[in-house]
ModelCIF file with pLDDT and N, C-alpha, C, O atoms, coordinates in Angstrom:
data_MODEL
#
_entry.id   MODEL 
#
_entity.id                         1 
_entity.type                       polymer 
_entity.pdbx_number_of_molecules   1 
#
_entity_poly.entity_id                      1 
_entity_poly.type                           'polypeptide(L)' 
_entity_poly.nstd_linkage                   no 
_entity_poly.nstd_monomer                   no 
_entity_poly.pdbx_seq_one_letter_code       ADELRSLHNWLRAASDIRRSSWLTLQEQPPEPGQMGGLVDVIQLVTDN 
_entity_poly.pdbx_seq_one_letter_code_can   ADELRSLHNWLRAASDIRRSSWLTLQEQPPEPGQMGGLVDVIQLVTDN 
_entity_poly.pdbx_strand_id                 A 
#
loop_
_entity_poly_seq.entity_id 
_entity_poly_seq.num 
_entity_poly_seq.mon_id 
_entity_poly_seq.hetero 
1 1  ALA n 
1 2  ASP n 
1 3  GLU n 
1 4  LEU n 
1 5  ARG n 
1 6  SER n 
1 7  LEU n 
1 8  HIS n 
1 9  ASN n 
1 10 TRP n 
1 11 LEU n 
1 12 ARG n 
1 13 ALA n 
1 14 ALA n 
1 15 SER n 
1 16 ASP n 
1 17 ILE n 
1 18 ARG n 
1 19 ARG n 
1 20 SER n 
1 21 SER n 
1 22 TRP n 
1 23 LEU n 
1 24 THR n 
1 25 LEU n 
1 26 GLN n 
1 27 GLU n 
1 28 GLN n 
1 29 PRO n 
1 30 PRO n 
1 31 GLU n 
1 32 PRO n 
1 33 GLY n 
1 34 GLN n 
1 35 MET n 
1 36 GLY n 
1 37 GLY n 
1 38 LEU n 
1 39 VAL n 
1 40 ASP n 
1 41 VAL n 
1 42 ILE n 
1 43 GLN n 
1 44 LEU n 
1 45 VAL n 
1 46 THR n 
1 47 ASP n 
1 48 ASN n 
#
_struct_asym.id          A 
_struct_asym.entity_id   1 
#
loop_
_ma_qa_metric.id 
_ma_qa_metric.mode 
_ma_qa_metric.name 
_ma_qa_metric.software_group_id 
_ma_qa_metric.type 
1 global pLDDT . pLDDT 
2 local  pLDDT . pLDDT 
#
_ma_qa_metric_global.metric_id      1 
_ma_qa_metric_global.metric_value   82.44 
_ma_qa_metric_global.model_id       1 
_ma_qa_metric_global.ordinal_id     1 
#
loop_
_ma_qa_metric_local.label_asym_id 
_ma_qa_metric_local.label_comp_id 
_ma_qa_metric_local.label_seq_id 
_ma_qa_metric_local.metric_id 
_ma_qa_metric_local.metric_value 
_ma_qa_metric_local.model_id 
_ma_qa_metric_local.ordinal_id 
A ALA 1  2 80.00 1 1  
A ASP 2  2 88.00 1 2  
A GLU 3  2 91.00 1 3  
A LEU 4  2 91.00 1 4  
A ARG 5  2 91.00 1 5  
A SER 6  2 94.00 1 6  
A LEU 7  2 95.00 1 7  
A HIS 8  2 94.00 1 8  
A ASN 9  2 94.00 1 9  
A TRP 10 2 95.00 1 10 
A LEU 11 2 95.00 1 11 
A ARG 12 2 93.00 1 12 
A ALA 13 2 94.00 1 13 
A ALA 14 2 92.00 1 14 
A SER 15 2 88.00 1 15 
A ASP 16 2 87.00 1 16 
A ILE 17 2 90.00 1 17 
A ARG 18 2 85.00 1 18 
A ARG 19 2 86.00 1 19 
A SER 20 2 86.00 1 20 
A SER 21 2 88.00 1 21 
A TRP 22 2 88.00 1 22 
A LEU 23 2 90.00 1 23 
A THR 24 2 90.00 1 24 
A LEU 25 2 88.00 1 25 
A GLN 26 2 84.00 1 26 
A GLU 27 2 74.00 1 27 
A GLN 28 2 68.00 1 28 
A PRO 29 2 66.00 1 29 
A PRO 30 2 65.00 1 30 
A GLU 31 2 67.00 1 31 
A PRO 32 2 72.00 1 32 
A GLY 33 2 70.00 1 33 
A GLN 34 2 64.00 1 34 
A MET 35 2 62.00 1 35 
A GLY 36 2 54.00 1 36 
A GLY 37 2 53.00 1 37 
A LEU 38 2 59.00 1 38 
A VAL 39 2 68.00 1 39 
A ASP 40 2 83.00 1 40 
A VAL 41 2 90.00 1 41 
A ILE 42 2 93.00 1 42 
A GLN 43 2 91.00 1 43 
A LEU 44 2 91.00 1 44 
A VAL 45 2 90.00 1 45 
A THR 46 2 87.00 1 46 
A ASP 47 2 79.00 1 47 
A ASN 48 2 74.00 1 48 
#
loop_
_atom_site.group_PDB 
_atom_site.id 
_atom_site.type_symbol 
_atom_site.label_atom_id 
_atom_site.label_alt_id 
_atom_site.label_comp_id 
_atom_site.label_asym_id 
_atom_site.label_entity_id 
_atom_site.label_seq_id 
_atom_site.pdbx_PDB_ins_code 
_atom_site.Cartn_x 
_atom_site.Cartn_y 
_atom_site.Cartn_z 
_atom_site.occupancy 
_atom_site.B_iso_or_equiv 
_atom_site.pdbx_formal_charge 
_atom_site.auth_seq_id 
_atom_site.auth_comp_id 
_atom_site.auth_asym_id 
_atom_site.auth_atom_id 
_atom_site.pdbx_PDB_model_num 
ATOM 1   N N  . ALA A 1 1  ? 60.857 -23.941 -155.014 1.00 80.00 ? 1  ALA A N  1 
ATOM 2   C CA . ALA A 1 1  ? 61.581 -23.462 -153.874 1.00 80.00 ? 1  ALA A CA 1 
ATOM 3   C C  . ALA A 1 1  ? 59.983 -22.500 -153.522 1.00 80.00 ? 1  ALA A C  1 
ATOM 4   O O  . ALA A 1 1  ? 60.280 -21.330 -153.281 1.00 80.00 ? 1  ALA A O  1 
ATOM 5   N N  . ASP A 1 2  ? 58.807 -22.689 -153.466 1.00 88.00 ? 2  ASP A N  1 
ATOM 6   C CA . ASP A 1 2  ? 58.406 -21.659 -152.446 1.00 88.00 ? 2  ASP A CA 1 
ATOM 7   C C  . ASP A 1 2  ? 57.879 -22.874 -151.116 1.00 88.00 ? 2  ASP A C  1 
ATOM 8   O O  . ASP A 1 2  ? 57.213 -22.545 -150.135 1.00 88.00 ? 2  ASP A O  1 
ATOM 9   N N  . GLU A 1 3  ? 58.199 -23.788 -151.304 1.00 91.00 ? 3  GLU A N  1 
ATOM 10  C CA . GLU A 1 3  ? 58.113 -24.390 -149.947 1.00 91.00 ? 3  GLU A CA 1 
ATOM 11  C C  . GLU A 1 3  ? 59.876 -24.861 -149.143 1.00 91.00 ? 3  GLU A C  1 
ATOM 12  O O  . GLU A 1 3  ? 60.381 -25.436 -148.179 1.00 91.00 ? 3  GLU A O  1 
ATOM 13  N N  . LEU A 1 4  ? 60.134 -24.265 -150.137 1.00 91.00 ? 4  LEU A N  1 
ATOM 14  C CA . LEU A 1 4  ? 61.722 -23.686 -148.958 1.00 91.00 ? 4  LEU A CA 1 
ATOM 15  C C  . LEU A 1 4  ? 61.948 -22.172 -148.944 1.00 91.00 ? 4  LEU A C  1 
ATOM 16  O O  . LEU A 1 4  ? 62.877 -21.709 -148.283 1.00 91.00 ? 4  LEU A O  1 
ATOM 17  N N  . ARG A 1 5  ? 61.099 -21.355 -149.679 1.00 91.00 ? 5  ARG A N  1 
ATOM 18  C CA . ARG A 1 5  ? 61.059 -20.076 -148.979 1.00 91.00 ? 5  ARG A CA 1 
ATOM 19  C C  . ARG A 1 5  ? 60.027 -19.646 -146.984 1.00 91.00 ? 5  ARG A C  1 
ATOM 20  O O  . ARG A 1 5  ? 60.250 -18.815 -146.103 1.00 91.00 ? 5  ARG A O  1 
ATOM 21  N N  . SER A 1 6  ? 58.960 -20.773 -147.155 1.00 94.00 ? 6  SER A N  1 
ATOM 22  C CA . SER A 1 6  ? 57.719 -20.890 -146.151 1.00 94.00 ? 6  SER A CA 1 
ATOM 23  C C  . SER A 1 6  ? 58.343 -21.211 -145.420 1.00 94.00 ? 6  SER A C  1 
ATOM 24  O O  . SER A 1 6  ? 58.434 -20.465 -144.445 1.00 94.00 ? 6  SER A O  1 
ATOM 25  N N  . LEU A 1 7  ? 59.294 -22.711 -145.414 1.00 95.00 ? 7  LEU A N  1 
ATOM 26  C CA . LEU A 1 7  ? 59.957 -22.567 -144.418 1.00 95.00 ? 7  LEU A CA 1 
ATOM 27  C C  . LEU A 1 7  ? 60.899 -22.263 -144.155 1.00 95.00 ? 7  LEU A C  1 
ATOM 28  O O  . LEU A 1 7  ? 61.576 -23.139 -143.618 1.00 95.00 ? 7  LEU A O  1 
ATOM 29  N N  . HIS A 1 8  ? 61.579 -20.839 -144.348 1.00 94.00 ? 8  HIS A N  1 
ATOM 30  C CA . HIS A 1 8  ? 62.581 -20.094 -143.565 1.00 94.00 ? 8  HIS A CA 1 
ATOM 31  C C  . HIS A 1 8  ? 61.924 -19.026 -143.317 1.00 94.00 ? 8  HIS A C  1 
ATOM 32  O O  . HIS A 1 8  ? 62.700 -18.447 -142.557 1.00 94.00 ? 8  HIS A O  1 
ATOM 33  N N  . ASN A 1 9  ? 61.106 -18.421 -143.421 1.00 94.00 ? 9  ASN A N  1 
ATOM 34  C CA . ASN A 1 9  ? 59.509 -17.563 -143.126 1.00 94.00 ? 9  ASN A CA 1 
ATOM 35  C C  . ASN A 1 9  ? 58.884 -18.526 -141.269 1.00 94.00 ? 9  ASN A C  1 
ATOM 36  O O  . ASN A 1 9  ? 58.255 -18.148 -140.281 1.00 94.00 ? 9  ASN A O  1 
ATOM 37  N N  . TRP A 1 10 ? 59.481 -19.713 -141.661 1.00 95.00 ? 10 TRP A N  1 
ATOM 38  C CA . TRP A 1 10 ? 58.071 -20.048 -140.296 1.00 95.00 ? 10 TRP A CA 1 
ATOM 39  C C  . TRP A 1 10 ? 59.310 -20.539 -139.384 1.00 95.00 ? 10 TRP A C  1 
ATOM 40  O O  . TRP A 1 10 ? 59.099 -20.707 -138.183 1.00 95.00 ? 10 TRP A O  1 
ATOM 41  N N  . LEU A 1 11 ? 61.077 -20.862 -140.113 1.00 95.00 ? 11 LEU A N  1 
ATOM 42  C CA . LEU A 1 11 ? 61.892 -21.052 -138.463 1.00 95.00 ? 11 LEU A CA 1 
ATOM 43  C C  . LEU A 1 11 ? 62.458 -19.264 -138.319 1.00 95.00 ? 11 LEU A C  1 
ATOM 44  O O  . LEU A 1 11 ? 62.927 -18.783 -137.287 1.00 95.00 ? 11 LEU A O  1 
ATOM 45  N N  . ARG A 1 12 ? 62.344 -18.841 -139.061 1.00 93.00 ? 12 ARG A N  1 
ATOM 46  C CA . ARG A 1 12 ? 62.561 -16.884 -138.409 1.00 93.00 ? 12 ARG A CA 1 
ATOM 47  C C  . ARG A 1 12 ? 61.946 -16.416 -137.837 1.00 93.00 ? 12 ARG A C  1 
ATOM 48  O O  . ARG A 1 12 ? 62.401 -15.583 -137.054 1.00 93.00 ? 12 ARG A O  1 
ATOM 49  N N  . ALA A 1 13 ? 60.446 -16.696 -137.894 1.00 94.00 ? 13 ALA A N  1 
ATOM 50  C CA . ALA A 1 13 ? 59.041 -17.049 -137.078 1.00 94.00 ? 13 ALA A CA 1 
ATOM 51  C C  . ALA A 1 13 ? 59.454 -17.339 -135.497 1.00 94.00 ? 13 ALA A C  1 
ATOM 52  O O  . ALA A 1 13 ? 58.857 -16.926 -134.503 1.00 94.00 ? 13 ALA A O  1 
ATOM 53  N N  . ALA A 1 14 ? 60.403 -17.998 -135.536 1.00 92.00 ? 14 ALA A N  1 
ATOM 54  C CA . ALA A 1 14 ? 60.449 -19.376 -134.675 1.00 92.00 ? 14 ALA A CA 1 
ATOM 55  C C  . ALA A 1 14 ? 61.188 -18.714 -133.395 1.00 92.00 ? 14 ALA A C  1 
ATOM 56  O O  . ALA A 1 14 ? 62.326 -18.346 -133.684 1.00 92.00 ? 14 ALA A O  1 
ATOM 57  N N  . SER A 1 15 ? 60.974 -18.575 -132.621 1.00 88.00 ? 15 SER A N  1 
ATOM 58  C CA . SER A 1 15 ? 61.265 -17.088 -131.147 1.00 88.00 ? 15 SER A CA 1 
ATOM 59  C C  . SER A 1 15 ? 62.993 -18.043 -130.969 1.00 88.00 ? 15 SER A C  1 
ATOM 60  O O  . SER A 1 15 ? 64.057 -17.474 -131.213 1.00 88.00 ? 15 SER A O  1 
ATOM 61  N N  . ASP A 1 16 ? 62.927 -19.162 -130.624 1.00 87.00 ? 16 ASP A N  1 
ATOM 62  C CA . ASP A 1 16 ? 64.444 -20.196 -130.049 1.00 87.00 ? 16 ASP A CA 1 
ATOM 63  C C  . ASP A 1 16 ? 65.394 -20.148 -131.026 1.00 87.00 ? 16 ASP A C  1 
ATOM 64  O O  . ASP A 1 16 ? 66.609 -20.012 -130.883 1.00 87.00 ? 16 ASP A O  1 
ATOM 65  N N  . ILE A 1 17 ? 64.832 -20.254 -131.912 1.00 90.00 ? 17 ILE A N  1 
ATOM 66  C CA . ILE A 1 17 ? 65.982 -20.527 -133.479 1.00 90.00 ? 17 ILE A CA 1 
ATOM 67  C C  . ILE A 1 17 ? 65.894 -19.500 -134.164 1.00 90.00 ? 17 ILE A C  1 
ATOM 68  O O  . ILE A 1 17 ? 66.312 -19.682 -135.307 1.00 90.00 ? 17 ILE A O  1 
ATOM 69  N N  . ARG A 1 18 ? 65.238 -17.682 -133.805 1.00 85.00 ? 18 ARG A N  1 
ATOM 70  C CA . ARG A 1 18 ? 65.974 -16.801 -134.379 1.00 85.00 ? 18 ARG A CA 1 
ATOM 71  C C  . ARG A 1 18 ? 66.984 -15.999 -133.647 1.00 85.00 ? 18 ARG A C  1 
ATOM 72  O O  . ARG A 1 18 ? 67.744 -15.176 -134.159 1.00 85.00 ? 18 ARG A O  1 
ATOM 73  N N  . ARG A 1 19 ? 66.902 -16.376 -132.202 1.00 86.00 ? 19 ARG A N  1 
ATOM 74  C CA . ARG A 1 19 ? 67.825 -16.418 -131.335 1.00 86.00 ? 19 ARG A CA 1 
ATOM 75  C C  . ARG A 1 19 ? 69.115 -16.643 -131.541 1.00 86.00 ? 19 ARG A C  1 
ATOM 76  O O  . ARG A 1 19 ? 70.205 -16.073 -131.596 1.00 86.00 ? 19 ARG A O  1 
ATOM 77  N N  . SER A 1 20 ? 68.619 -17.644 -131.632 1.00 86.00 ? 20 SER A N  1 
ATOM 78  C CA . SER A 1 20 ? 70.225 -18.450 -131.588 1.00 86.00 ? 20 SER A CA 1 
ATOM 79  C C  . SER A 1 20 ? 70.945 -18.436 -132.751 1.00 86.00 ? 20 SER A C  1 
ATOM 80  O O  . SER A 1 20 ? 72.116 -18.216 -132.444 1.00 86.00 ? 20 SER A O  1 
ATOM 81  N N  . SER A 1 21 ? 70.800 -18.590 -134.199 1.00 88.00 ? 21 SER A N  1 
ATOM 82  C CA . SER A 1 21 ? 71.517 -18.794 -135.277 1.00 88.00 ? 21 SER A CA 1 
ATOM 83  C C  . SER A 1 21 ? 70.171 -18.053 -136.260 1.00 88.00 ? 21 SER A C  1 
ATOM 84  O O  . SER A 1 21 ? 68.977 -17.767 -136.180 1.00 88.00 ? 21 SER A O  1 
ATOM 85  N N  . TRP A 1 22 ? 72.090 -17.963 -137.804 1.00 88.00 ? 22 TRP A N  1 
ATOM 86  C CA . TRP A 1 22 ? 71.213 -16.585 -138.532 1.00 88.00 ? 22 TRP A CA 1 
ATOM 87  C C  . TRP A 1 22 ? 70.679 -18.056 -139.610 1.00 88.00 ? 22 TRP A C  1 
ATOM 88  O O  . TRP A 1 22 ? 71.171 -19.182 -139.690 1.00 88.00 ? 22 TRP A O  1 
ATOM 89  N N  . LEU A 1 23 ? 69.598 -17.489 -140.261 1.00 90.00 ? 23 LEU A N  1 
ATOM 90  C CA . LEU A 1 23 ? 68.967 -18.179 -141.309 1.00 90.00 ? 23 LEU A CA 1 
ATOM 91  C C  . LEU A 1 23 ? 69.452 -17.495 -142.774 1.00 90.00 ? 23 LEU A C  1 
ATOM 92  O O  . LEU A 1 23 ? 69.651 -16.280 -142.781 1.00 90.00 ? 23 LEU A O  1 
ATOM 93  N N  . THR A 1 24 ? 69.612 -18.141 -143.806 1.00 90.00 ? 24 THR A N  1 
ATOM 94  C CA . THR A 1 24 ? 70.300 -17.219 -145.200 1.00 90.00 ? 24 THR A CA 1 
ATOM 95  C C  . THR A 1 24 ? 69.353 -18.324 -145.773 1.00 90.00 ? 24 THR A C  1 
ATOM 96  O O  . THR A 1 24 ? 69.356 -19.386 -145.150 1.00 90.00 ? 24 THR A O  1 
ATOM 97  N N  . LEU A 1 25 ? 68.140 -18.180 -147.415 1.00 88.00 ? 25 LEU A N  1 
ATOM 98  C CA . LEU A 1 25 ? 68.271 -18.788 -148.076 1.00 88.00 ? 25 LEU A CA 1 
ATOM 99  C C  . LEU A 1 25 ? 69.801 -18.918 -149.512 1.00 88.00 ? 25 LEU A C  1 
ATOM 100 O O  . LEU A 1 25 ? 70.801 -18.200 -149.519 1.00 88.00 ? 25 LEU A O  1 
ATOM 101 N N  . GLN A 1 26 ? 69.544 -19.800 -150.320 1.00 84.00 ? 26 GLN A N  1 
ATOM 102 C CA . GLN A 1 26 ? 71.430 -19.564 -150.688 1.00 84.00 ? 26 GLN A CA 1 
ATOM 103 C C  . GLN A 1 26 ? 70.542 -20.206 -152.186 1.00 84.00 ? 26 GLN A C  1 
ATOM 104 O O  . GLN A 1 26 ? 69.441 -20.718 -152.386 1.00 84.00 ? 26 GLN A O  1 
ATOM 105 N N  . GLU A 1 27 ? 71.318 -19.965 -152.732 1.00 74.00 ? 27 GLU A N  1 
ATOM 106 C CA . GLU A 1 27 ? 71.146 -20.467 -154.367 1.00 74.00 ? 27 GLU A CA 1 
ATOM 107 C C  . GLU A 1 27 ? 72.241 -20.898 -154.856 1.00 74.00 ? 27 GLU A C  1 
ATOM 108 O O  . GLU A 1 27 ? 73.429 -20.722 -154.584 1.00 74.00 ? 27 GLU A O  1 
ATOM 109 N N  . GLN A 1 28 ? 71.448 -21.729 -155.927 1.00 68.00 ? 28 GLN A N  1 
ATOM 110 C CA . GLN A 1 28 ? 72.714 -23.006 -157.251 1.00 68.00 ? 28 GLN A CA 1 
ATOM 111 C C  . GLN A 1 28 ? 72.627 -21.757 -157.652 1.00 68.00 ? 28 GLN A C  1 
ATOM 112 O O  . GLN A 1 28 ? 72.052 -20.752 -157.236 1.00 68.00 ? 28 GLN A O  1 
ATOM 113 N N  . PRO A 1 29 ? 73.658 -22.143 -158.995 1.00 66.00 ? 29 PRO A N  1 
ATOM 114 C CA . PRO A 1 29 ? 74.395 -21.259 -159.717 1.00 66.00 ? 29 PRO A CA 1 
ATOM 115 C C  . PRO A 1 29 ? 73.256 -21.189 -161.116 1.00 66.00 ? 29 PRO A C  1 
ATOM 116 O O  . PRO A 1 29 ? 73.092 -22.356 -161.470 1.00 66.00 ? 29 PRO A O  1 
ATOM 117 N N  . PRO A 1 30 ? 72.420 -20.225 -162.027 1.00 65.00 ? 30 PRO A N  1 
ATOM 118 C CA . PRO A 1 30 ? 71.885 -20.076 -163.001 1.00 65.00 ? 30 PRO A CA 1 
ATOM 119 C C  . PRO A 1 30 ? 71.822 -21.241 -164.374 1.00 65.00 ? 30 PRO A C  1 
ATOM 120 O O  . PRO A 1 30 ? 70.665 -21.657 -164.437 1.00 65.00 ? 30 PRO A O  1 
ATOM 121 N N  . GLU A 1 31 ? 72.062 -21.415 -164.672 1.00 67.00 ? 31 GLU A N  1 
ATOM 122 C CA . GLU A 1 31 ? 71.695 -22.904 -165.876 1.00 67.00 ? 31 GLU A CA 1 
ATOM 123 C C  . GLU A 1 31 ? 72.002 -22.053 -166.889 1.00 67.00 ? 31 GLU A C  1 
ATOM 124 O O  . GLU A 1 31 ? 71.708 -20.870 -166.721 1.00 67.00 ? 31 GLU A O  1 
ATOM 125 N N  . PRO A 1 32 ? 72.703 -22.494 -168.247 1.00 72.00 ? 32 PRO A N  1 
ATOM 126 C CA . PRO A 1 32 ? 73.039 -21.220 -169.331 1.00 72.00 ? 32 PRO A CA 1 
ATOM 127 C C  . PRO A 1 32 ? 71.401 -21.635 -169.992 1.00 72.00 ? 32 PRO A C  1 
ATOM 128 O O  . PRO A 1 32 ? 70.860 -22.729 -170.154 1.00 72.00 ? 32 PRO A O  1 
ATOM 129 N N  . GLY A 1 33 ? 70.763 -19.711 -170.371 1.00 70.00 ? 33 GLY A N  1 
ATOM 130 C CA . GLY A 1 33 ? 69.755 -19.539 -170.197 1.00 70.00 ? 33 GLY A CA 1 
ATOM 131 C C  . GLY A 1 33 ? 68.552 -19.013 -169.689 1.00 70.00 ? 33 GLY A C  1 
ATOM 132 O O  . GLY A 1 33 ? 67.574 -18.357 -170.048 1.00 70.00 ? 33 GLY A O  1 
ATOM 133 N N  . GLN A 1 34 ? 69.064 -19.610 -168.639 1.00 64.00 ? 34 GLN A N  1 
ATOM 134 C CA . GLN A 1 34 ? 68.217 -19.229 -167.485 1.00 64.00 ? 34 GLN A CA 1 
ATOM 135 C C  . GLN A 1 34 ? 68.484 -17.604 -166.801 1.00 64.00 ? 34 GLN A C  1 
ATOM 136 O O  . GLN A 1 34 ? 69.463 -17.111 -167.361 1.00 64.00 ? 34 GLN A O  1 
ATOM 137 N N  . MET A 1 35 ? 67.909 -16.696 -165.800 1.00 62.00 ? 35 MET A N  1 
ATOM 138 C CA . MET A 1 35 ? 67.511 -15.178 -166.213 1.00 62.00 ? 35 MET A CA 1 
ATOM 139 C C  . MET A 1 35 ? 68.394 -15.000 -164.543 1.00 62.00 ? 35 MET A C  1 
ATOM 140 O O  . MET A 1 35 ? 69.115 -14.013 -164.399 1.00 62.00 ? 35 MET A O  1 
ATOM 141 N N  . GLY A 1 36 ? 68.222 -16.228 -163.140 1.00 54.00 ? 36 GLY A N  1 
ATOM 142 C CA . GLY A 1 36 ? 68.465 -16.559 -162.297 1.00 54.00 ? 36 GLY A CA 1 
ATOM 143 C C  . GLY A 1 36 ? 69.048 -17.363 -161.572 1.00 54.00 ? 36 GLY A C  1 
ATOM 144 O O  . GLY A 1 36 ? 69.104 -18.444 -162.158 1.00 54.00 ? 36 GLY A O  1 
ATOM 145 N N  . GLY A 1 37 ? 69.418 -17.393 -160.799 1.00 53.00 ? 37 GLY A N  1 
ATOM 146 C CA . GLY A 1 37 ? 69.823 -18.861 -159.689 1.00 53.00 ? 37 GLY A CA 1 
ATOM 147 C C  . GLY A 1 37 ? 68.241 -20.202 -159.184 1.00 53.00 ? 37 GLY A C  1 
ATOM 148 O O  . GLY A 1 37 ? 67.400 -20.610 -159.985 1.00 53.00 ? 37 GLY A O  1 
ATOM 149 N N  . LEU A 1 38 ? 68.284 -20.391 -158.405 1.00 59.00 ? 38 LEU A N  1 
ATOM 150 C CA . LEU A 1 38 ? 67.930 -21.374 -158.025 1.00 59.00 ? 38 LEU A CA 1 
ATOM 151 C C  . LEU A 1 38 ? 68.322 -21.146 -156.738 1.00 59.00 ? 38 LEU A C  1 
ATOM 152 O O  . LEU A 1 38 ? 69.481 -20.932 -156.384 1.00 59.00 ? 38 LEU A O  1 
ATOM 153 N N  . VAL A 1 39 ? 66.748 -21.221 -155.593 1.00 68.00 ? 39 VAL A N  1 
ATOM 154 C CA . VAL A 1 39 ? 66.596 -21.346 -154.589 1.00 68.00 ? 39 VAL A CA 1 
ATOM 155 C C  . VAL A 1 39 ? 66.651 -23.117 -153.693 1.00 68.00 ? 39 VAL A C  1 
ATOM 156 O O  . VAL A 1 39 ? 65.639 -23.777 -153.456 1.00 68.00 ? 39 VAL A O  1 
ATOM 157 N N  . ASP A 1 40 ? 68.512 -23.675 -153.239 1.00 83.00 ? 40 ASP A N  1 
ATOM 158 C CA . ASP A 1 40 ? 67.865 -24.824 -153.247 1.00 83.00 ? 40 ASP A CA 1 
ATOM 159 C C  . ASP A 1 40 ? 68.057 -25.332 -151.620 1.00 83.00 ? 40 ASP A C  1 
ATOM 160 O O  . ASP A 1 40 ? 68.063 -26.416 -151.036 1.00 83.00 ? 40 ASP A O  1 
ATOM 161 N N  . VAL A 1 41 ? 68.219 -23.818 -151.225 1.00 90.00 ? 41 VAL A N  1 
ATOM 162 C CA . VAL A 1 41 ? 69.036 -24.567 -149.691 1.00 90.00 ? 41 VAL A CA 1 
ATOM 163 C C  . VAL A 1 41 ? 68.638 -23.433 -148.721 1.00 90.00 ? 41 VAL A C  1 
ATOM 164 O O  . VAL A 1 41 ? 68.588 -22.255 -149.076 1.00 90.00 ? 41 VAL A O  1 
ATOM 165 N N  . ILE A 1 42 ? 68.347 -23.885 -147.411 1.00 93.00 ? 42 ILE A N  1 
ATOM 166 C CA . ILE A 1 42 ? 68.958 -22.670 -145.416 1.00 93.00 ? 42 ILE A CA 1 
ATOM 167 C C  . ILE A 1 42 ? 69.947 -22.740 -145.300 1.00 93.00 ? 42 ILE A C  1 
ATOM 168 O O  . ILE A 1 42 ? 70.435 -23.849 -145.519 1.00 93.00 ? 42 ILE A O  1 
ATOM 169 N N  . GLN A 1 43 ? 70.620 -21.918 -144.997 1.00 91.00 ? 43 GLN A N  1 
ATOM 170 C CA . GLN A 1 43 ? 71.656 -22.186 -144.207 1.00 91.00 ? 43 GLN A CA 1 
ATOM 171 C C  . GLN A 1 43 ? 71.724 -21.909 -143.266 1.00 91.00 ? 43 GLN A C  1 
ATOM 172 O O  . GLN A 1 43 ? 72.278 -20.816 -143.149 1.00 91.00 ? 43 GLN A O  1 
ATOM 173 N N  . LEU A 1 44 ? 71.365 -22.440 -142.192 1.00 91.00 ? 44 LEU A N  1 
ATOM 174 C CA . LEU A 1 44 ? 71.665 -22.070 -140.624 1.00 91.00 ? 44 LEU A CA 1 
ATOM 175 C C  . LEU A 1 44 ? 72.837 -21.658 -140.496 1.00 91.00 ? 44 LEU A C  1 
ATOM 176 O O  . LEU A 1 44 ? 73.161 -21.892 -141.660 1.00 91.00 ? 44 LEU A O  1 
ATOM 177 N N  . VAL A 1 45 ? 74.297 -20.985 -139.784 1.00 90.00 ? 45 VAL A N  1 
ATOM 178 C CA . VAL A 1 45 ? 74.532 -21.051 -138.190 1.00 90.00 ? 45 VAL A CA 1 
ATOM 179 C C  . VAL A 1 45 ? 73.750 -21.434 -137.068 1.00 90.00 ? 45 VAL A C  1 
ATOM 180 O O  . VAL A 1 45 ? 72.534 -21.620 -137.056 1.00 90.00 ? 45 VAL A O  1 
ATOM 181 N N  . THR A 1 46 ? 74.676 -21.551 -135.984 1.00 87.00 ? 46 THR A N  1 
ATOM 182 C CA . THR A 1 46 ? 74.271 -21.491 -134.877 1.00 87.00 ? 46 THR A CA 1 
ATOM 183 C C  . THR A 1 46 ? 75.289 -20.608 -134.050 1.00 87.00 ? 46 THR A C  1 
ATOM 184 O O  . THR A 1 46 ? 76.356 -20.304 -134.583 1.00 87.00 ? 46 THR A O  1 
ATOM 185 N N  . ASP A 1 47 ? 75.097 -20.328 -133.199 1.00 79.00 ? 47 ASP A N  1 
ATOM 186 C CA . ASP A 1 47 ? 75.517 -20.257 -131.360 1.00 79.00 ? 47 ASP A CA 1 
ATOM 187 C C  . ASP A 1 47 ? 75.927 -20.997 -130.646 1.00 79.00 ? 47 ASP A C  1 
ATOM 188 O O  . ASP A 1 47 ? 76.949 -21.561 -131.037 1.00 79.00 ? 47 ASP A O  1 
ATOM 189 N N  . ASN A 1 48 ? 75.633 -21.216 -129.891 1.00 74.00 ? 48 ASN A N  1 
ATOM 190 C CA . ASN A 1 48 ? 76.490 -21.336 -128.383 1.00 74.00 ? 48 ASN A CA 1 
ATOM 191 C C  . ASN A 1 48 ? 75.096 -22.393 -127.855 1.00 74.00 ? 48 ASN A C  1 
ATOM 192 O O  . ASN A 1 48 ? 75.082 -22.876 -126.723 1.00 74.00 ? 48 ASN A O  1 
#
């Protein structure tokens, strides 16, 4: 998951991407007995 966070930060630092899209880290639901979910995807929504 740290690699996904690293990529998220990298993409947010890229001005072309930052200006034309919105980036969020999405979690999968926690497994029984886990304290929280795991970050498993970067969701990017673009504009025109």
